[in-house]
N, C-alpha and C. Protein backbone atom coordinates (compact mmCIF):
# COMPACT_ATOMS: atom_id res chain seq x y z
N UNK A 1 118.62 101.61 107.40
CA UNK A 1 117.50 101.00 106.63
C UNK A 1 117.45 100.53 105.30
N UNK A 2 116.68 99.70 105.26
CA UNK A 2 116.45 98.43 104.24
C UNK A 2 116.27 99.32 102.91
N UNK A 3 115.94 99.37 101.94
CA UNK A 3 115.32 100.07 100.34
C UNK A 3 114.05 99.35 100.79
N UNK A 4 113.36 98.24 101.79
CA UNK A 4 112.17 98.43 101.26
C UNK A 4 111.51 98.59 102.87
N UNK A 5 112.06 99.19 104.15
CA UNK A 5 111.95 100.43 105.08
C UNK A 5 111.69 101.59 104.37
N UNK A 6 112.65 101.99 102.86
CA UNK A 6 112.54 103.27 102.61
C UNK A 6 111.48 103.79 102.16
N UNK A 7 111.12 102.49 101.46
CA UNK A 7 109.67 102.97 100.33
C UNK A 7 108.68 102.73 101.03
N UNK A 8 108.43 101.71 101.90
CA UNK A 8 107.24 102.08 103.86
C UNK A 8 107.42 103.19 103.88
N UNK A 9 108.41 103.63 104.29
CA UNK A 9 108.63 104.80 105.11
C UNK A 9 108.53 106.27 103.81
N UNK A 10 108.19 106.24 102.73
CA UNK A 10 107.76 106.85 102.11
C UNK A 10 106.55 107.29 101.99
N UNK A 11 105.59 105.88 101.14
CA UNK A 11 103.97 105.53 101.46
C UNK A 11 103.80 106.65 102.23
N UNK A 12 104.01 105.95 103.92
CA UNK A 12 103.33 106.55 104.95
C UNK A 12 103.24 107.84 104.26
N UNK A 13 104.35 108.40 104.41
CA UNK A 13 104.96 109.94 104.17
C UNK A 13 103.68 110.34 102.82
N UNK A 14 103.70 110.14 102.17
CA UNK A 14 102.76 110.49 101.43
C UNK A 14 101.32 110.15 101.20
N UNK A 15 100.99 108.96 101.98
CA UNK A 15 99.02 108.79 102.88
C UNK A 15 99.22 109.47 104.10
N UNK A 16 100.20 110.22 104.32
CA UNK A 16 99.54 111.85 105.16
C UNK A 16 98.60 112.78 104.93
N UNK A 17 97.18 112.84 105.75
CA UNK A 17 96.50 114.05 105.50
C UNK A 17 97.78 115.32 105.49
N UNK A 18 96.72 116.42 104.65
CA UNK A 18 96.79 117.73 104.29
C UNK A 18 95.84 118.39 105.20
N UNK A 19 96.06 118.70 106.34
CA UNK A 19 94.46 119.40 106.02
C UNK A 19 94.39 121.01 105.39
N UNK A 20 93.95 121.95 104.74
CA UNK A 20 93.79 122.73 103.89
C UNK A 20 92.64 123.52 104.88
N UNK A 21 92.92 124.83 104.29
CA UNK A 21 91.74 125.23 104.85
C UNK A 21 90.46 125.37 104.76
N UNK A 22 89.15 125.71 104.86
CA UNK A 22 87.91 125.38 104.95
C UNK A 22 87.28 126.02 103.41
N UNK A 23 86.71 125.35 102.53
CA UNK A 23 86.49 125.89 101.37
C UNK A 23 84.60 127.24 101.54
N UNK A 24 84.88 127.73 100.72
CA UNK A 24 83.71 129.08 100.85
C UNK A 24 82.85 128.67 100.31
N UNK A 25 82.23 128.47 100.83
CA UNK A 25 80.70 127.96 99.94
C UNK A 25 79.87 129.34 98.83
N UNK A 26 79.40 129.21 97.63
CA UNK A 26 79.65 129.95 96.85
C UNK A 26 78.48 131.06 98.09
N UNK A 27 78.33 132.46 97.67
CA UNK A 27 76.77 133.28 98.25
C UNK A 27 76.05 133.28 97.41
N UNK A 28 76.38 132.32 96.60
CA UNK A 28 74.76 132.78 95.48
C UNK A 28 74.93 131.57 94.15
N UNK A 29 73.95 131.35 93.45
CA UNK A 29 74.77 130.34 92.57
C UNK A 29 73.63 131.71 91.54
N UNK A 30 74.65 132.79 91.06
CA UNK A 30 73.73 133.93 90.45
C UNK A 30 72.56 133.67 88.87
N UNK A 31 73.42 132.74 88.52
CA UNK A 31 73.29 131.69 86.93
C UNK A 31 71.84 131.42 87.15
N UNK A 32 71.61 130.94 88.36
CA UNK A 32 70.43 130.50 88.87
C UNK A 32 69.32 130.93 88.39
N UNK A 33 69.46 132.86 89.14
CA UNK A 33 69.10 133.30 89.91
C UNK A 33 68.27 134.49 88.45
N UNK A 34 69.71 134.93 87.62
CA UNK A 34 69.77 135.11 86.45
C UNK A 34 70.09 134.36 85.04
N UNK A 35 69.16 133.67 85.22
CA UNK A 35 69.35 132.96 83.86
C UNK A 35 69.59 133.16 82.30
N UNK A 36 68.89 134.06 81.90
CA UNK A 36 68.73 135.22 80.99
C UNK A 36 69.85 135.69 81.19
N UNK A 37 70.37 136.31 81.97
CA UNK A 37 71.99 137.17 81.75
C UNK A 37 72.89 136.33 81.68
N UNK A 38 72.97 135.18 82.19
CA UNK A 38 74.29 133.99 82.00
C UNK A 38 74.11 133.69 80.53
N UNK A 39 73.18 133.27 80.39
CA UNK A 39 72.96 132.77 78.73
C UNK A 39 73.24 134.37 77.64
N UNK A 40 72.98 135.09 78.42
CA UNK A 40 73.57 136.30 78.14
C UNK A 40 75.50 136.53 77.60
N UNK A 41 75.50 136.36 78.60
CA UNK A 41 77.12 136.33 78.82
C UNK A 41 77.70 135.10 78.60
N UNK A 42 77.20 134.71 78.38
CA UNK A 42 77.92 132.98 77.58
C UNK A 42 78.17 133.37 75.67
N UNK A 43 77.02 133.72 75.18
CA UNK A 43 76.66 134.47 74.05
C UNK A 43 78.10 135.15 73.14
N UNK A 44 77.90 136.34 74.71
CA UNK A 44 78.85 137.47 73.87
C UNK A 44 80.37 137.11 74.26
N UNK A 45 80.28 135.79 75.54
CA UNK A 45 81.82 135.82 75.42
C UNK A 45 81.90 135.08 74.37
N UNK A 46 81.67 133.96 73.37
CA UNK A 46 81.76 133.16 72.70
C UNK A 46 81.58 134.60 71.42
N UNK A 47 81.06 135.77 71.06
CA UNK A 47 81.45 135.81 70.01
C UNK A 47 82.40 137.15 70.20
N UNK A 48 82.94 137.59 71.10
CA UNK A 48 84.23 138.24 72.06
C UNK A 48 85.02 137.25 71.53
N UNK A 49 85.27 136.67 72.15
CA UNK A 49 86.80 135.16 71.18
C UNK A 49 86.75 135.46 70.01
N UNK A 50 85.27 134.97 68.53
CA UNK A 50 85.74 135.06 67.60
C UNK A 50 86.87 136.19 66.87
N UNK A 51 87.61 134.67 66.65
CA UNK A 51 88.84 135.24 65.76
C UNK A 51 90.47 135.17 66.30
N UNK A 52 89.77 135.37 67.73
CA UNK A 52 91.21 135.98 68.56
C UNK A 52 91.62 134.08 68.86
N UNK A 53 93.13 134.08 69.12
CA UNK A 53 94.14 132.97 69.01
C UNK A 53 93.49 132.56 70.33
N UNK A 54 93.05 131.63 70.52
CA UNK A 54 92.80 130.49 71.97
C UNK A 54 93.64 131.09 72.74
N UNK A 55 94.86 130.53 72.54
CA UNK A 55 95.97 131.02 73.81
C UNK A 55 96.25 132.10 74.30
N UNK A 56 96.17 133.43 73.10
CA UNK A 56 96.11 134.96 73.90
C UNK A 56 95.21 134.97 74.59
N UNK A 57 94.14 134.58 74.10
CA UNK A 57 92.93 134.56 74.48
C UNK A 57 92.70 134.57 76.25
N UNK A 58 93.38 133.46 76.53
CA UNK A 58 93.38 132.82 77.59
C UNK A 58 94.60 133.96 78.73
N UNK A 59 95.29 133.60 77.58
CA UNK A 59 96.63 135.27 78.69
C UNK A 59 95.87 136.29 79.12
N UNK A 60 95.20 137.05 78.12
CA UNK A 60 94.50 137.77 78.53
C UNK A 60 93.34 137.55 79.94
N UNK A 61 92.58 136.60 79.98
CA UNK A 61 91.37 136.54 80.96
C UNK A 61 92.38 135.40 82.15
N UNK A 62 93.20 135.01 82.09
CA UNK A 62 94.55 134.96 83.20
C UNK A 62 94.48 136.22 84.06
N UNK A 63 95.72 136.92 82.88
CA UNK A 63 96.01 138.78 83.68
C UNK A 63 94.69 139.15 83.72
N UNK A 64 93.32 139.33 83.33
CA UNK A 64 92.48 140.44 84.00
C UNK A 64 91.76 139.80 85.17
N UNK A 65 91.89 138.09 85.40
CA UNK A 65 91.21 137.72 86.25
C UNK A 65 92.25 137.50 87.68
N UNK A 66 93.68 137.77 87.32
CA UNK A 66 94.72 138.22 89.03
C UNK A 66 94.56 139.47 89.22
N UNK A 67 94.24 140.55 87.88
CA UNK A 67 94.17 141.77 88.98
C UNK A 67 93.04 142.19 89.72
N UNK A 68 91.32 141.24 89.26
CA UNK A 68 90.68 141.58 89.74
C UNK A 68 90.64 140.52 90.51
N UNK A 69 91.27 139.51 90.68
CA UNK A 69 91.50 138.47 91.89
C UNK A 69 90.09 137.54 92.21
N UNK A 70 89.98 137.50 90.65
CA UNK A 70 88.47 136.35 90.44
C UNK A 70 89.64 134.85 90.39
N UNK A 71 89.62 134.29 91.50
CA UNK A 71 89.63 133.00 91.79
C UNK A 71 89.49 131.84 91.34
N UNK A 72 87.88 131.81 91.34
CA UNK A 72 86.64 130.97 90.06
C UNK A 72 87.65 130.97 89.12
N UNK A 73 88.36 132.16 88.19
CA UNK A 73 88.10 132.71 86.85
C UNK A 73 89.53 132.34 86.54
N UNK A 74 90.20 132.22 88.24
CA UNK A 74 91.89 132.12 87.26
C UNK A 74 91.63 130.53 87.71
N UNK A 75 91.45 129.77 88.42
CA UNK A 75 90.96 128.36 88.09
C UNK A 75 90.78 127.81 86.70
N UNK A 76 89.48 128.68 86.44
CA UNK A 76 88.77 128.15 84.89
C UNK A 76 89.60 128.15 84.03
N UNK A 77 90.04 129.52 83.52
CA UNK A 77 90.95 129.79 82.70
C UNK A 77 92.63 129.81 82.04
N UNK A 78 93.13 129.47 83.39
CA UNK A 78 94.66 128.32 83.77
C UNK A 78 94.49 126.53 83.48
N UNK A 79 93.05 125.99 83.35
CA UNK A 79 93.02 124.90 83.19
C UNK A 79 92.51 124.49 81.52
N UNK A 80 91.71 125.63 81.67
CA UNK A 80 91.45 126.38 79.43
C UNK A 80 92.82 126.16 79.19
N UNK A 81 93.46 127.43 79.56
CA UNK A 81 94.69 127.54 78.61
C UNK A 81 95.79 126.08 78.93
N UNK A 82 95.78 125.33 79.81
CA UNK A 82 96.55 124.47 79.50
C UNK A 82 96.01 123.30 78.92
N UNK A 83 94.59 123.20 78.53
CA UNK A 83 94.12 122.35 77.67
C UNK A 83 94.32 122.42 76.21
N UNK A 84 94.06 124.23 75.96
CA UNK A 84 94.76 124.43 74.77
C UNK A 84 96.15 124.41 74.33
N UNK A 85 96.69 123.72 75.04
CA UNK A 85 98.65 123.76 74.76
C UNK A 85 99.09 124.53 75.24
N UNK A 86 98.43 125.63 76.21
CA UNK A 86 99.60 126.77 76.69
C UNK A 86 100.28 126.09 77.55
N UNK A 87 101.63 126.69 77.68
CA UNK A 87 103.20 125.89 78.68
C UNK A 87 103.22 126.32 80.25
N UNK A 88 102.97 126.09 81.51
CA UNK A 88 103.30 126.01 82.99
C UNK A 88 103.14 127.47 83.11
N UNK A 89 104.72 127.08 82.32
CA UNK A 89 105.75 128.18 82.94
C UNK A 89 105.22 129.74 82.23
N UNK A 90 104.71 129.79 80.68
CA UNK A 90 104.23 131.25 80.47
C UNK A 90 103.27 131.88 81.49
N UNK A 91 101.57 130.75 82.15
CA UNK A 91 101.12 131.17 83.16
C UNK A 91 101.70 131.23 84.15
N UNK A 92 102.33 130.71 84.63
CA UNK A 92 103.06 131.26 86.29
C UNK A 92 103.94 132.45 85.99
N UNK A 93 105.03 133.30 84.47
CA UNK A 93 105.01 134.29 84.39
C UNK A 93 104.15 135.04 83.99
N UNK A 94 103.40 134.91 84.42
CA UNK A 94 102.16 135.86 83.68
C UNK A 94 102.33 137.60 85.05
N UNK A 95 101.98 136.60 85.60
CA UNK A 95 102.30 137.65 87.04
C UNK A 95 103.08 139.14 87.67
N UNK A 96 104.03 138.08 86.27
CA UNK A 96 105.53 139.64 86.80
C UNK A 96 105.82 139.69 85.54
N UNK A 97 105.26 139.25 84.08
CA UNK A 97 105.21 139.56 82.91
C UNK A 97 106.12 141.20 82.16
N UNK A 98 106.29 141.88 83.28
CA UNK A 98 107.45 142.60 82.64
C UNK A 98 108.47 142.74 83.01
N UNK A 99 108.95 141.48 84.19
CA UNK A 99 110.17 140.89 84.26
C UNK A 99 110.24 139.69 83.13
N UNK A 100 109.35 139.47 83.05
CA UNK A 100 109.64 138.14 82.21
C UNK A 100 108.75 138.13 80.56
N UNK A 101 108.89 139.50 79.62
CA UNK A 101 109.03 139.65 78.95
C UNK A 101 109.62 138.81 77.92
N UNK A 102 110.34 138.08 77.96
CA UNK A 102 110.54 137.36 76.78
C UNK A 102 110.20 135.67 77.08
N UNK A 103 109.22 135.31 78.01
CA UNK A 103 108.19 134.55 77.90
C UNK A 103 107.70 134.90 76.92
N UNK A 104 107.05 135.79 76.08
CA UNK A 104 105.92 136.17 75.67
C UNK A 104 106.59 137.26 73.84
N UNK A 105 105.54 136.87 72.84
CA UNK A 105 105.92 137.52 71.34
C UNK A 105 105.49 138.98 72.24
N UNK A 106 105.77 139.96 71.32
CA UNK A 106 105.41 141.42 71.66
C UNK A 106 103.58 141.73 71.19
N UNK A 107 103.23 141.11 70.49
CA UNK A 107 101.65 140.80 70.12
C UNK A 107 101.31 140.37 71.32
N UNK A 108 101.89 139.07 71.95
CA UNK A 108 101.50 139.06 73.14
C UNK A 108 101.17 140.25 74.64
N UNK A 109 103.10 141.01 74.87
CA UNK A 109 102.74 141.56 75.75
C UNK A 109 101.75 143.37 75.31
N UNK A 110 101.46 143.12 73.73
CA UNK A 110 100.83 144.21 73.83
C UNK A 110 99.14 143.52 74.31
N UNK A 111 99.00 142.93 73.76
CA UNK A 111 97.57 142.36 74.50
C UNK A 111 97.87 142.30 75.92
N UNK A 112 98.46 141.88 76.76
CA UNK A 112 98.82 142.15 77.77
C UNK A 112 98.45 142.70 78.61
N UNK A 113 99.27 144.28 78.15
CA UNK A 113 99.64 145.49 78.76
C UNK A 113 97.92 145.94 78.54
N UNK A 114 97.42 145.90 77.20
CA UNK A 114 96.29 146.53 77.17
C UNK A 114 95.38 146.11 78.23
N UNK A 115 95.50 144.93 78.23
CA UNK A 115 94.21 143.99 79.52
C UNK A 115 94.28 144.76 80.78
N UNK A 116 95.68 144.96 81.56
CA UNK A 116 95.99 146.17 82.29
C UNK A 116 95.75 147.59 82.30
N UNK A 117 95.65 148.31 81.17
CA UNK A 117 95.06 149.69 81.24
C UNK A 117 93.33 149.20 80.97
N UNK A 118 93.18 148.38 80.25
CA UNK A 118 91.40 148.85 80.31
C UNK A 118 90.72 147.45 81.82
N UNK A 119 91.73 146.48 82.63
CA UNK A 119 91.20 146.11 83.23
C UNK A 119 90.82 147.35 85.28
N UNK A 120 92.24 148.20 85.08
CA UNK A 120 92.59 148.88 85.62
C UNK A 120 91.86 150.42 85.57
N UNK A 121 90.96 150.65 85.09
CA UNK A 121 90.60 152.19 84.62
C UNK A 121 90.17 152.61 85.74
N UNK A 122 89.48 152.15 86.13
CA UNK A 122 88.85 152.83 87.63
C UNK A 122 90.36 153.34 88.87
N UNK A 123 91.00 152.95 88.56
CA UNK A 123 92.16 153.43 89.71
C UNK A 123 92.30 154.95 89.60
N UNK A 124 93.00 155.69 90.28
CA UNK A 124 92.94 157.06 90.80
C UNK A 124 94.04 157.46 89.57
N UNK A 125 93.70 158.66 88.98
CA UNK A 125 94.73 159.06 87.74
C UNK A 125 94.52 158.14 86.63
N UNK A 126 93.76 157.61 86.17
CA UNK A 126 93.57 156.88 85.52
C UNK A 126 91.98 157.26 84.71
N UNK A 127 91.35 157.52 83.36
CA UNK A 127 90.70 157.50 83.18
C UNK A 127 90.32 157.14 81.26
N UNK A 128 91.81 156.81 81.05
CA UNK A 128 91.72 156.21 80.00
C UNK A 128 92.68 155.94 79.26
N UNK A 129 92.91 154.34 77.92
CA UNK A 129 93.49 154.06 77.93
C UNK A 129 95.05 154.70 77.34
N UNK A 130 96.22 154.11 77.83
CA UNK A 130 97.11 155.83 77.85
C UNK A 130 97.40 155.51 76.27
N UNK A 131 97.72 156.79 75.82
CA UNK A 131 98.16 156.20 73.78
C UNK A 131 99.27 155.50 73.85
N UNK A 132 100.10 155.23 74.52
CA UNK A 132 101.02 154.30 73.92
C UNK A 132 101.47 153.25 73.94
N UNK A 133 100.07 152.91 75.18
CA UNK A 133 99.43 151.20 75.54
C UNK A 133 98.45 151.15 73.94
N UNK A 134 97.80 151.90 73.48
CA UNK A 134 96.66 151.62 72.22
C UNK A 134 97.47 151.93 71.34
N UNK A 135 98.58 152.31 70.93
CA UNK A 135 99.28 152.53 69.43
C UNK A 135 100.24 151.28 69.72
N UNK A 136 100.92 150.60 70.72
CA UNK A 136 101.42 149.21 71.11
C UNK A 136 101.14 148.51 70.27
N UNK A 137 99.43 148.17 70.91
CA UNK A 137 97.92 147.25 70.42
C UNK A 137 97.74 147.61 68.80
N UNK A 138 97.76 148.38 69.11
CA UNK A 138 97.38 148.86 67.01
C UNK A 138 98.68 148.72 66.12
N UNK A 139 99.60 148.37 66.51
CA UNK A 139 100.86 147.78 65.48
C UNK A 139 100.32 146.72 65.19
N UNK A 140 100.03 145.75 66.67
CA UNK A 140 99.89 144.21 65.88
C UNK A 140 99.22 143.57 66.21
N UNK A 141 98.00 144.35 66.08
CA UNK A 141 96.30 143.88 65.91
C UNK A 141 95.72 144.58 64.50
N UNK A 142 95.02 144.18 63.83
CA UNK A 142 94.69 144.78 63.03
C UNK A 142 93.65 145.59 63.65
N UNK A 143 92.84 146.35 63.17
CA UNK A 143 91.44 147.25 63.57
C UNK A 143 90.21 145.98 63.78
N UNK A 144 89.88 145.23 62.96
CA UNK A 144 88.96 143.98 63.44
C UNK A 144 89.55 143.15 65.21
N UNK A 145 90.67 142.50 64.65
CA UNK A 145 91.13 142.17 65.89
C UNK A 145 91.29 142.54 67.37
N UNK A 146 91.61 143.22 66.69
CA UNK A 146 91.64 144.78 67.97
C UNK A 146 90.44 145.24 68.99
N UNK A 147 89.74 145.08 67.69
CA UNK A 147 87.66 145.09 68.63
C UNK A 147 87.92 144.29 68.93
N UNK A 148 88.01 143.01 68.69
CA UNK A 148 87.58 141.56 69.22
C UNK A 148 88.63 141.48 70.29
N UNK A 149 89.55 141.22 70.35
CA UNK A 149 90.71 142.00 72.22
C UNK A 149 89.68 142.72 72.89
N UNK A 150 89.08 143.92 72.50
CA UNK A 150 88.71 144.63 73.56
C UNK A 150 87.35 144.22 74.28
N UNK A 151 86.85 143.43 73.04
CA UNK A 151 85.23 142.50 73.46
C UNK A 151 85.80 141.32 74.24
N UNK A 152 86.96 140.91 74.47
CA UNK A 152 87.44 139.33 75.29
C UNK A 152 87.52 140.22 76.09
N UNK A 153 88.49 141.42 76.72
CA UNK A 153 88.36 141.55 78.13
C UNK A 153 88.01 142.41 78.86
N UNK A 154 86.44 143.15 77.87
CA UNK A 154 86.07 143.14 78.85
C UNK A 154 84.69 142.13 79.11
N UNK A 155 84.49 141.67 78.41
CA UNK A 155 83.17 140.46 79.23
C UNK A 155 84.42 140.18 80.07
N UNK A 156 85.62 139.34 80.22
CA UNK A 156 86.10 139.08 81.65
C UNK A 156 86.13 139.73 82.16
N UNK A 157 86.45 140.50 82.26
CA UNK A 157 86.12 141.88 83.24
C UNK A 157 84.37 141.66 83.57
N UNK A 158 84.00 141.44 83.05
CA UNK A 158 82.50 140.97 83.70
C UNK A 158 82.26 140.03 84.44
N UNK A 159 82.71 138.93 83.59
CA UNK A 159 82.87 137.60 84.87
C UNK A 159 83.37 137.74 86.00
N UNK A 160 84.62 138.54 85.95
CA UNK A 160 85.63 138.35 87.00
C UNK A 160 84.31 138.46 88.46
N UNK A 161 83.72 140.11 87.81
CA UNK A 161 82.68 140.54 88.54
C UNK A 161 81.44 140.00 89.56
N UNK A 162 81.11 139.17 88.56
CA UNK A 162 80.26 138.04 88.89
C UNK A 162 80.51 136.90 89.73
N UNK A 163 81.82 137.11 90.09
CA UNK A 163 82.72 135.89 90.57
C UNK A 163 83.13 136.01 91.34
N UNK A 164 83.27 137.25 91.36
CA UNK A 164 84.33 138.19 93.17
C UNK A 164 82.83 138.55 93.83
N UNK A 165 81.89 138.98 93.42
CA UNK A 165 80.72 139.70 93.85
C UNK A 165 80.37 138.27 95.19
N UNK A 166 79.69 137.11 93.96
CA UNK A 166 78.85 135.97 94.73
C UNK A 166 80.18 134.96 95.08
N UNK A 167 81.10 134.68 94.75
CA UNK A 167 81.98 134.47 95.80
C UNK A 167 82.79 132.92 95.07
N UNK A 168 82.01 132.88 93.66
CA UNK A 168 82.31 131.65 93.16
C UNK A 168 83.36 130.87 93.58
N UNK A 169 83.51 129.54 93.96
CA UNK A 169 84.18 128.48 94.82
C UNK A 169 85.40 127.95 93.58
N UNK A 170 86.17 127.86 93.58
CA UNK A 170 87.34 128.16 92.30
C UNK A 170 87.89 126.30 92.71
N UNK A 171 88.53 125.50 91.90
CA UNK A 171 89.20 124.35 92.18
C UNK A 171 87.96 123.10 91.63
N UNK A 172 86.88 123.37 91.25
CA UNK A 172 86.31 121.94 90.69
C UNK A 172 86.16 122.14 89.06
N UNK A 173 86.44 123.26 88.01
CA UNK A 173 86.47 123.56 86.89
C UNK A 173 87.02 122.51 86.38
N UNK A 174 86.09 121.76 85.34
CA UNK A 174 86.76 121.07 84.42
C UNK A 174 87.23 122.30 82.91
N UNK A 175 88.32 121.45 82.07
CA UNK A 175 88.33 122.40 80.86
C UNK A 175 87.27 121.71 80.43
N UNK A 176 86.61 123.24 79.64
CA UNK A 176 85.65 122.83 78.53
C UNK A 176 84.20 122.81 79.18
N UNK A 177 84.38 123.33 80.20
CA UNK A 177 82.81 122.23 81.03
C UNK A 177 81.83 123.77 81.29
N UNK A 178 81.92 124.95 80.46
CA UNK A 178 81.31 125.85 80.53
C UNK A 178 81.59 126.48 79.00
N UNK A 179 81.74 125.33 77.76
CA UNK A 179 81.81 126.08 76.35
C UNK A 179 82.80 126.40 76.04
């Protein structure tokens, strides 16, 4: 096969369409039906992020969204993290952070671990954030910053509940779209 024929064969292959599964529509557009709640959540989210490193905040939001299986928030915060300068490698490794500790700082690890502890509170046998998790976070965050981090974790968990309950559709978000 000549080089021209190889190129044509490659172009033909590249032009083939892949048939993906059908996209589920959202169950409802909750923000349209509860606009005051949505506006309050946006203000709460902005207040919770204040004073936190934007990349750290996005890592926390991605990890909570992974745990809560919120595809919409995963899409959003992965894109926002990339736009904030986060690396693809660190985002990909976040789902296996315990085995990939060397990708993160000790401060980030403390935040990720605290995110898991707060997000997974309702699991059987867990009624509080374990002291060792709290102590590690307290070693890396001043009290005011730790309070902000707890607020950010709490807010993303609330957003995840809205996203999962109403089956918000991932894949259409553009970085910075929602402020």
